[in-house]
Amino acid sequence: MRNSLRCNGEEDKVVDYVASPRESGYRAVHIHTTYQGRQTEVQLRTRWQHLWAKYVEDLAVMPIEVVYA
């Protein structure tokens, strides 16, 4: 974080969904930073957190008929 401040002149924004999970149960730490002049988001999560995130994303894109059938 201090390195980002030194290199980019601005602090990274950290969103901690581990400390405050979303209603869906999603947990991860998101870091919003600038890398080579571009806004970048880094998501830090365990293998299980990643599987949960993919599961929730897959449900979100399924047609309603399939989810409730």
PDB file of N, CA and C in Angstrom:
ATOM      1  N   MET A   1       0.816  -1.182   0.000  1.00  0.00           N
ATOM      2  CA  MET A   1       0.000   0.000   0.000  1.00  0.00           C
ATOM      3  C   MET A   1       0.867   1.256   0.000  1.00  0.00           C
ATOM      4  N   ARG A   2       1.883   1.257   0.848  1.00  0.00           N
ATOM      5  CA  ARG A   2       2.778   2.414   0.860  1.00  0.00           C
ATOM      6  C   ARG A   2       3.505   2.530  -0.468  1.00  0.00           C
ATOM      7  N   ASN A   3       3.833   1.399  -1.084  1.00  0.00           N
ATOM      8  CA  ASN A   3       4.503   1.417  -2.376  1.00  0.00           C
ATOM      9  C   ASN A   3       3.604   2.068  -3.424  1.00  0.00           C
ATOM     10  N   SER A   4       2.307   1.756  -3.398  1.00  0.00           N
ATOM     11  CA  SER A   4       1.373   2.358  -4.340  1.00  0.00           C
ATOM     12  C   SER A   4       1.298   3.861  -4.138  1.00  0.00           C
ATOM     13  N   LEU A   5       1.260   4.290  -2.888  1.00  0.00           N
ATOM     14  CA  LEU A   5       1.225   5.725  -2.587  1.00  0.00           C
ATOM     15  C   LEU A   5       2.472   6.402  -3.120  1.00  0.00           C
ATOM     16  N   ARG A   6       3.616   5.764  -2.942  1.00  0.00           N
ATOM     17  CA  ARG A   6       4.882   6.340  -3.405  1.00  0.00           C
ATOM     18  C   ARG A   6       4.934   6.367  -4.940  1.00  0.00           C
ATOM     19  N   CYS A   7       4.479   5.289  -5.587  1.00  0.00           N
ATOM     20  CA  CYS A   7       4.578   5.196  -7.053  1.00  0.00           C
ATOM     21  C   CYS A   7       3.483   5.969  -7.775  1.00  0.00           C
ATOM     22  N   ASN A   8       2.258   5.937  -7.228  1.00  0.00           N
ATOM     23  CA  ASN A   8       1.123   6.525  -7.932  1.00  0.00           C
ATOM     24  C   ASN A   8       0.654   7.851  -7.353  1.00  0.00           C
ATOM     25  N   GLY A   9       1.119   8.167  -6.164  1.00  0.00           N
ATOM     26  CA  GLY A   9       0.685   9.397  -5.529  1.00  0.00           C
ATOM     27  C   GLY A   9      -0.686   9.301  -4.891  1.00  0.00           C
ATOM     28  N   GLU A  10      -1.245   8.112  -4.830  1.00  0.00           N
ATOM     29  CA  GLU A  10      -2.553   7.920  -4.199  1.00  0.00           C
ATOM     30  C   GLU A  10      -2.595   6.567  -3.510  1.00  0.00           C
ATOM     31  N   GLU A  11      -3.364   6.508  -2.429  1.00  0.00           N
ATOM     32  CA  GLU A  11      -3.478   5.258  -1.695  1.00  0.00           C
ATOM     33  C   GLU A  11      -4.420   4.297  -2.390  1.00  0.00           C
ATOM     34  N   ASP A  12      -4.178   3.008  -2.170  1.00  0.00           N
ATOM     35  CA  ASP A  12      -5.093   1.990  -2.669  1.00  0.00           C
ATOM     36  C   ASP A  12      -6.374   2.029  -1.848  1.00  0.00           C
ATOM     37  N   LYS A  13      -7.479   1.638  -2.480  1.00  0.00           N
ATOM     38  CA  LYS A  13      -8.744   1.483  -1.758  1.00  0.00           C
ATOM     39  C   LYS A  13      -8.901  -0.007  -1.463  1.00  0.00           C
ATOM     40  N   VAL A  14      -9.156  -0.349  -0.211  1.00  0.00           N
ATOM     41  CA  VAL A  14      -9.318  -1.740   0.188  1.00  0.00           C
ATOM     42  C   VAL A  14     -10.755  -1.955   0.641  1.00  0.00           C
ATOM     43  N   VAL A  15     -11.409  -2.967   0.072  1.00  0.00           N
ATOM     44  CA  VAL A  15     -12.761  -3.350   0.481  1.00  0.00           C
ATOM     45  C   VAL A  15     -12.651  -4.754   1.062  1.00  0.00           C
ATOM     46  N   ASP A  16     -12.961  -4.879   2.338  1.00  0.00           N
ATOM     47  CA  ASP A  16     -12.778  -6.149   3.053  1.00  0.00           C
ATOM     48  C   ASP A  16     -14.119  -6.854   3.244  1.00  0.00           C
ATOM     49  N   TYR A  17     -14.420  -7.774   2.326  1.00  0.00           N
ATOM     50  CA  TYR A  17     -15.655  -8.558   2.421  1.00  0.00           C
ATOM     51  C   TYR A  17     -15.466  -9.779   3.326  1.00  0.00           C
ATOM     52  N   VAL A  18     -14.282  -9.963   3.874  1.00  0.00           N
ATOM     53  CA  VAL A  18     -14.079 -11.023   4.868  1.00  0.00           C
ATOM     54  C   VAL A  18     -14.595 -10.516   6.212  1.00  0.00           C
ATOM     55  N   ALA A  19     -14.230  -9.290   6.551  1.00  0.00           N
ATOM     56  CA  ALA A  19     -14.687  -8.692   7.806  1.00  0.00           C
ATOM     57  C   ALA A  19     -16.181  -8.379   7.750  1.00  0.00           C
ATOM     58  N   SER A  20     -16.671  -7.994   6.563  1.00  0.00           N
ATOM     59  CA  SER A  20     -18.096  -7.669   6.368  1.00  0.00           C
ATOM     60  C   SER A  20     -18.594  -8.373   5.111  1.00  0.00           C
ATOM     61  N   PRO A  21     -18.964  -9.659   5.212  1.00  0.00           N
ATOM     62  CA  PRO A  21     -19.399 -10.412   4.031  1.00  0.00           C
ATOM     63  C   PRO A  21     -20.667  -9.835   3.401  1.00  0.00           C
ATOM     64  N   ARG A  22     -20.826 -10.064   2.112  1.00  0.00           N
ATOM     65  CA  ARG A  22     -22.053  -9.667   1.426  1.00  0.00           C
ATOM     66  C   ARG A  22     -23.189 -10.574   1.869  1.00  0.00           C
ATOM     67  N   GLU A  23     -24.423 -10.168   1.568  1.00  0.00           N
ATOM     68  CA  GLU A  23     -25.589 -10.973   1.949  1.00  0.00           C
ATOM     69  C   GLU A  23     -25.539 -12.375   1.341  1.00  0.00           C
ATOM     70  N   SER A  24     -24.911 -12.511   0.192  1.00  0.00           N
ATOM     71  CA  SER A  24     -24.818 -13.810  -0.488  1.00  0.00           C
ATOM     72  C   SER A  24     -23.831 -14.753   0.199  1.00  0.00           C
ATOM     73  N   GLY A  25     -23.046 -14.233   1.143  1.00  0.00           N
ATOM     74  CA  GLY A  25     -22.019 -15.035   1.788  1.00  0.00           C
ATOM     75  C   GLY A  25     -20.645 -14.840   1.169  1.00  0.00           C
ATOM     76  N   TYR A  26     -20.579 -14.039   0.123  1.00  0.00           N
ATOM     77  CA  TYR A  26     -19.313 -13.783  -0.573  1.00  0.00           C
ATOM     78  C   TYR A  26     -18.294 -13.163   0.377  1.00  0.00           C
ATOM     79  N   ARG A  27     -17.068 -13.695   0.336  1.00  0.00           N
ATOM     80  CA  ARG A  27     -15.972 -13.189   1.160  1.00  0.00           C
ATOM     81  C   ARG A  27     -14.707 -13.088   0.312  1.00  0.00           C
ATOM     82  N   ALA A  28     -14.046 -11.963   0.417  1.00  0.00           N
ATOM     83  CA  ALA A  28     -12.765 -11.734  -0.247  1.00  0.00           C
ATOM     84  C   ALA A  28     -12.272 -10.356   0.164  1.00  0.00           C
ATOM     85  N   VAL A  29     -11.056 -10.049  -0.188  1.00  0.00           N
ATOM     86  CA  VAL A  29     -10.525  -8.708  -0.005  1.00  0.00           C
ATOM     87  C   VAL A  29     -10.246  -8.160  -1.397  1.00  0.00           C
ATOM     88  N   HIS A  30     -10.805  -6.998  -1.707  1.00  0.00           N
ATOM     89  CA  HIS A  30     -10.586  -6.349  -2.996  1.00  0.00           C
ATOM     90  C   HIS A  30      -9.670  -5.157  -2.780  1.00  0.00           C
ATOM     91  N   ILE A  31      -8.670  -5.043  -3.624  1.00  0.00           N
ATOM     92  CA  ILE A  31      -7.758  -3.901  -3.581  1.00  0.00           C
ATOM     93  C   ILE A  31      -7.852  -3.183  -4.920  1.00  0.00           C
ATOM     94  N   HIS A  32      -8.235  -1.912  -4.868  1.00  0.00           N
ATOM     95  CA  HIS A  32      -8.327  -1.080  -6.066  1.00  0.00           C
ATOM     96  C   HIS A  32      -7.067  -0.219  -6.107  1.00  0.00           C
ATOM     97  N   THR A  33      -6.309  -0.343  -7.179  1.00  0.00           N
ATOM     98  CA  THR A  33      -5.031   0.354  -7.288  1.00  0.00           C
ATOM     99  C   THR A  33      -4.823   0.811  -8.727  1.00  0.00           C
ATOM    100  N   THR A  34      -3.737   1.506  -8.952  1.00  0.00           N
ATOM    101  CA  THR A  34      -3.353   1.917 -10.298  1.00  0.00           C
ATOM    102  C   THR A  34      -2.061   1.177 -10.643  1.00  0.00           C
ATOM    103  N   TYR A  35      -2.060   0.533 -11.811  1.00  0.00           N
ATOM    104  CA  TYR A  35      -0.887  -0.208 -12.266  1.00  0.00           C
ATOM    105  C   TYR A  35      -0.588   0.218 -13.693  1.00  0.00           C
ATOM    106  N   GLN A  36       0.571   0.735 -13.906  1.00  0.00           N
ATOM    107  CA  GLN A  36       1.013   1.226 -15.218  1.00  0.00           C
ATOM    108  C   GLN A  36      -0.025   2.175 -15.825  1.00  0.00           C
ATOM    109  N   GLY A  37      -0.541   3.069 -14.961  1.00  0.00           N
ATOM    110  CA  GLY A  37      -1.474   4.086 -15.427  1.00  0.00           C
ATOM    111  C   GLY A  37      -2.912   3.620 -15.582  1.00  0.00           C
ATOM    112  N   ARG A  38      -3.205   2.391 -15.247  1.00  0.00           N
ATOM    113  CA  ARG A  38      -4.570   1.857 -15.405  1.00  0.00           C
ATOM    114  C   ARG A  38      -5.161   1.477 -14.058  1.00  0.00           C
ATOM    115  N   GLN A  39      -6.451   1.770 -13.893  1.00  0.00           N
ATOM    116  CA  GLN A  39      -7.157   1.352 -12.686  1.00  0.00           C
ATOM    117  C   GLN A  39      -7.279  -0.165 -12.701  1.00  0.00           C
ATOM    118  N   THR A  40      -6.922  -0.798 -11.595  1.00  0.00           N
ATOM    119  CA  THR A  40      -6.896  -2.254 -11.510  1.00  0.00           C
ATOM    120  C   THR A  40      -7.522  -2.699 -10.200  1.00  0.00           C
ATOM    121  N   GLU A  41      -8.248  -3.821 -10.257  1.00  0.00           N
ATOM    122  CA  GLU A  41      -8.790  -4.410  -9.045  1.00  0.00           C
ATOM    123  C   GLU A  41      -8.161  -5.780  -8.849  1.00  0.00           C
ATOM    124  N   VAL A  42      -7.639  -6.009  -7.654  1.00  0.00           N
ATOM    125  CA  VAL A  42      -7.067  -7.299  -7.297  1.00  0.00           C
ATOM    126  C   VAL A  42      -7.991  -7.915  -6.257  1.00  0.00           C
ATOM    127  N   GLN A  43      -8.388  -9.179  -6.478  1.00  0.00           N
ATOM    128  CA  GLN A  43      -9.247  -9.870  -5.528  1.00  0.00           C
ATOM    129  C   GLN A  43      -8.439 -10.967  -4.849  1.00  0.00           C
ATOM    130  N   LEU A  44      -8.370 -10.896  -3.537  1.00  0.00           N
ATOM    131  CA  LEU A  44      -7.643 -11.892  -2.755  1.00  0.00           C
ATOM    132  C   LEU A  44      -8.660 -12.813  -2.095  1.00  0.00           C
ATOM    133  N   ARG A  45      -8.600 -14.104  -2.440  1.00  0.00           N
ATOM    134  CA  ARG A  45      -9.517 -15.056  -1.824  1.00  0.00           C
ATOM    135  C   ARG A  45      -8.923 -16.447  -1.851  1.00  0.00           C
ATOM    136  N   THR A  46      -9.374 -17.263  -0.910  1.00  0.00           N
ATOM    137  CA  THR A  46      -8.909 -18.643  -0.844  1.00  0.00           C
ATOM    138  C   THR A  46      -9.568 -19.448  -1.961  1.00  0.00           C
ATOM    139  N   ARG A  47      -9.139 -20.684  -2.128  1.00  0.00           N
ATOM    140  CA  ARG A  47      -9.753 -21.557  -3.128  1.00  0.00           C
ATOM    141  C   ARG A  47     -11.245 -21.711  -2.858  1.00  0.00           C
ATOM    142  N   TRP A  48     -11.629 -21.881  -1.575  1.00  0.00           N
ATOM    143  CA  TRP A  48     -13.050 -22.055  -1.227  1.00  0.00           C
ATOM    144  C   TRP A  48     -13.833 -20.774  -1.465  1.00  0.00           C
ATOM    145  N   GLN A  49     -13.231 -19.648  -1.167  1.00  0.00           N
ATOM    146  CA  GLN A  49     -13.892 -18.370  -1.439  1.00  0.00           C
ATOM    147  C   GLN A  49     -14.100 -18.188  -2.937  1.00  0.00           C
ATOM    148  N   HIS A  50     -13.135 -18.628  -3.732  1.00  0.00           N
ATOM    149  CA  HIS A  50     -13.251 -18.528  -5.180  1.00  0.00           C
ATOM    150  C   HIS A  50     -14.377 -19.428  -5.692  1.00  0.00           C
ATOM    151  N   LEU A  51     -14.453 -20.652  -5.193  1.00  0.00           N
ATOM    152  CA  LEU A  51     -15.533 -21.557  -5.610  1.00  0.00           C
ATOM    153  C   LEU A  51     -16.900 -20.984  -5.259  1.00  0.00           C
ATOM    154  N   TRP A  52     -17.014 -20.401  -4.072  1.00  0.00           N
ATOM    155  CA  TRP A  52     -18.282 -19.789  -3.664  1.00  0.00           C
ATOM    156  C   TRP A  52     -18.630 -18.627  -4.610  1.00  0.00           C
ATOM    157  N   ALA A  53     -17.653 -17.780  -4.916  1.00  0.00           N
ATOM    158  CA  ALA A  53     -17.882 -16.640  -5.806  1.00  0.00           C
ATOM    159  C   ALA A  53     -18.348 -17.116  -7.183  1.00  0.00           C
ATOM    160  N   LYS A  54     -17.703 -18.148  -7.727  1.00  0.00           N
ATOM    161  CA  LYS A  54     -18.102 -18.678  -9.034  1.00  0.00           C
ATOM    162  C   LYS A  54     -19.517 -19.260  -8.978  1.00  0.00           C
ATOM    163  N   TYR A  55     -19.837 -19.954  -7.898  1.00  0.00           N
ATOM    164  CA  TYR A  55     -21.170 -20.539  -7.724  1.00  0.00           C
ATOM    165  C   TYR A  55     -22.237 -19.444  -7.721  1.00  0.00           C
ATOM    166  N   VAL A  56     -22.017 -18.393  -6.958  1.00  0.00           N
ATOM    167  CA  VAL A  56     -22.980 -17.294  -6.878  1.00  0.00           C
ATOM    168  C   VAL A  56     -23.096 -16.589  -8.228  1.00  0.00           C
ATOM    169  N   GLU A  57     -21.979 -16.382  -8.922  1.00  0.00           N
ATOM    170  CA  GLU A  57     -22.009 -15.754 -10.246  1.00  0.00           C
ATOM    171  C   GLU A  57     -22.785 -16.614 -11.236  1.00  0.00           C
ATOM    172  N   ASP A  58     -22.556 -17.926 -11.204  1.00  0.00           N
ATOM    173  CA  ASP A  58     -23.255 -18.827 -12.126  1.00  0.00           C
ATOM    174  C   ASP A  58     -24.758 -18.802 -11.882  1.00  0.00           C
ATOM    175  N   LEU A  59     -25.170 -18.746 -10.629  1.00  0.00           N
ATOM    176  CA  LEU A  59     -26.596 -18.666 -10.326  1.00  0.00           C
ATOM    177  C   LEU A  59     -27.195 -17.352 -10.819  1.00  0.00           C
ATOM    178  N   ALA A  60     -26.428 -16.289 -10.744  1.00  0.00           N
ATOM    179  CA  ALA A  60     -26.918 -14.974 -11.146  1.00  0.00           C
ATOM    180  C   ALA A  60     -27.190 -14.891 -12.647  1.00  0.00           C
ATOM    181  N   VAL A  61     -26.481 -15.668 -13.453  1.00  0.00           N
ATOM    182  CA  VAL A  61     -26.675 -15.584 -14.906  1.00  0.00           C
ATOM    183  C   VAL A  61     -27.629 -16.646 -15.436  1.00  0.00           C
ATOM    184  N   MET A  62     -28.088 -17.556 -14.573  1.00  0.00           N
ATOM    185  CA  MET A  62     -29.025 -18.583 -15.019  1.00  0.00           C
ATOM    186  C   MET A  62     -30.412 -17.980 -15.191  1.00  0.00           C
ATOM    187  N   PRO A  63     -31.174 -18.463 -16.172  1.00  0.00           N
ATOM    188  CA  PRO A  63     -32.555 -17.996 -16.315  1.00  0.00           C
ATOM    189  C   PRO A  63     -33.354 -18.383 -15.055  1.00  0.00           C
ATOM    190  N   ILE A  64     -34.320 -17.554 -14.716  1.00  0.00           N
ATOM    191  CA  ILE A  64     -35.125 -17.776 -13.509  1.00  0.00           C
ATOM    192  C   ILE A  64     -35.782 -19.159 -13.534  1.00  0.00           C
ATOM    193  N   GLU A  65     -36.257 -19.613 -14.689  1.00  0.00           N
ATOM    194  CA  GLU A  65     -36.939 -20.902 -14.773  1.00  0.00           C
ATOM    195  C   GLU A  65     -36.028 -22.040 -14.332  1.00  0.00           C
ATOM    196  N   VAL A  66     -34.728 -21.930 -14.645  1.00  0.00           N
ATOM    197  CA  VAL A  66     -33.787 -23.005 -14.300  1.00  0.00           C
ATOM    198  C   VAL A  66     -33.505 -22.972 -12.806  1.00  0.00           C
ATOM    199  N   VAL A  67     -33.342 -21.794 -12.243  1.00  0.00           N
ATOM    200  CA  VAL A  67     -33.010 -21.659 -10.829  1.00  0.00           C
ATOM    201  C   VAL A  67     -34.136 -22.188  -9.959  1.00  0.00           C
ATOM    202  N   TYR A  68     -35.386 -21.938 -10.332  1.00  0.00           N
ATOM    203  CA  TYR A  68     -36.525 -22.307  -9.491  1.00  0.00           C
ATOM    204  C   TYR A  68     -37.261 -23.550  -9.977  1.00  0.00           C
ATOM    205  N   ALA A  69     -36.757 -24.213 -10.992  1.00  0.00           N
ATOM    206  CA  ALA A  69     -37.448 -25.392 -11.541  1.00  0.00           C
ATOM    207  C   ALA A  69     -37.388 -26.560 -10.589  1.00  0.00           C
TER     208      ALA A  69
END
